[in-house]
Amino acid sequence: RESETIPVTLIIKAPNQKYSDQTISCFLNWTVGKLKMHLSNVYPSKPVSV
């Protein structure tokens, strides 16, 4: 489906402002798990994807 390939941009804000806001590009059809895995690779603190 066409809607699955729509790119979206998310702004991730650190609650303690230890890191600046991060702009993340992903797709509308990504699951939460896929987004968490992507964040574990690109976010400065390298959070663990569980």
Protein backbone atom coordinates (compact mmCIF):
# COMPACT_ATOMS: atom_id res chain seq x y z
CA ARG A 1 0.00 0.00 0.00
CA GLU A 2 1.09 3.51 -0.77
CA SER A 3 0.55 4.74 2.80
CA GLU A 4 3.20 2.31 4.07
CA THR A 5 6.01 4.11 2.26
CA ILE A 6 5.15 7.59 3.49
CA PRO A 7 8.20 9.08 5.24
CA VAL A 8 7.65 10.80 8.58
CA THR A 9 9.91 12.87 10.78
CA LEU A 10 9.84 12.50 14.55
CA ILE A 11 11.39 14.87 17.05
CA ILE A 12 12.69 12.99 20.09
CA LYS A 13 13.06 15.14 23.20
CA ALA A 14 15.19 13.99 26.11
CA PRO A 15 13.23 14.46 29.36
CA ASN A 16 16.32 15.68 31.21
CA GLN A 17 17.64 17.73 28.26
CA LYS A 18 20.97 15.91 28.56
CA TYR A 19 20.86 15.61 24.77
CA SER A 20 19.53 18.10 22.29
CA ASP A 21 16.31 17.31 20.45
CA GLN A 22 16.90 14.61 17.83
CA THR A 23 15.17 14.58 14.45
CA ILE A 24 14.54 11.02 13.32
CA SER A 25 13.37 9.98 9.86
CA CYS A 26 11.30 6.82 9.56
CA PHE A 27 8.28 5.45 7.70
CA LEU A 28 4.61 5.36 8.61
CA ASN A 29 4.50 1.56 8.55
CA TRP A 30 7.29 1.08 11.12
CA THR A 31 6.33 -0.79 14.27
CA VAL A 32 7.30 0.48 17.71
CA GLY A 33 9.89 -2.30 17.83
CA LYS A 34 11.48 -1.21 14.56
CA LEU A 35 11.58 2.41 15.74
CA LYS A 36 13.20 1.37 19.04
CA MET A 37 15.81 -0.66 17.15
CA HIS A 38 16.55 2.33 14.90
CA LEU A 39 16.84 4.62 17.94
CA SER A 40 19.30 2.22 19.57
CA ASN A 41 21.57 2.80 16.55
CA VAL A 42 21.19 6.54 16.00
CA TYR A 43 20.34 8.16 19.36
CA PRO A 44 23.36 9.61 21.24
CA SER A 45 22.86 7.55 24.43
CA LYS A 46 22.42 4.29 22.43
CA PRO A 47 19.34 3.06 24.36
CA VAL A 48 18.83 -0.69 24.47
CA SER A 49 15.96 -2.00 22.37
CA VAL A 50 14.03 -4.51 24.49
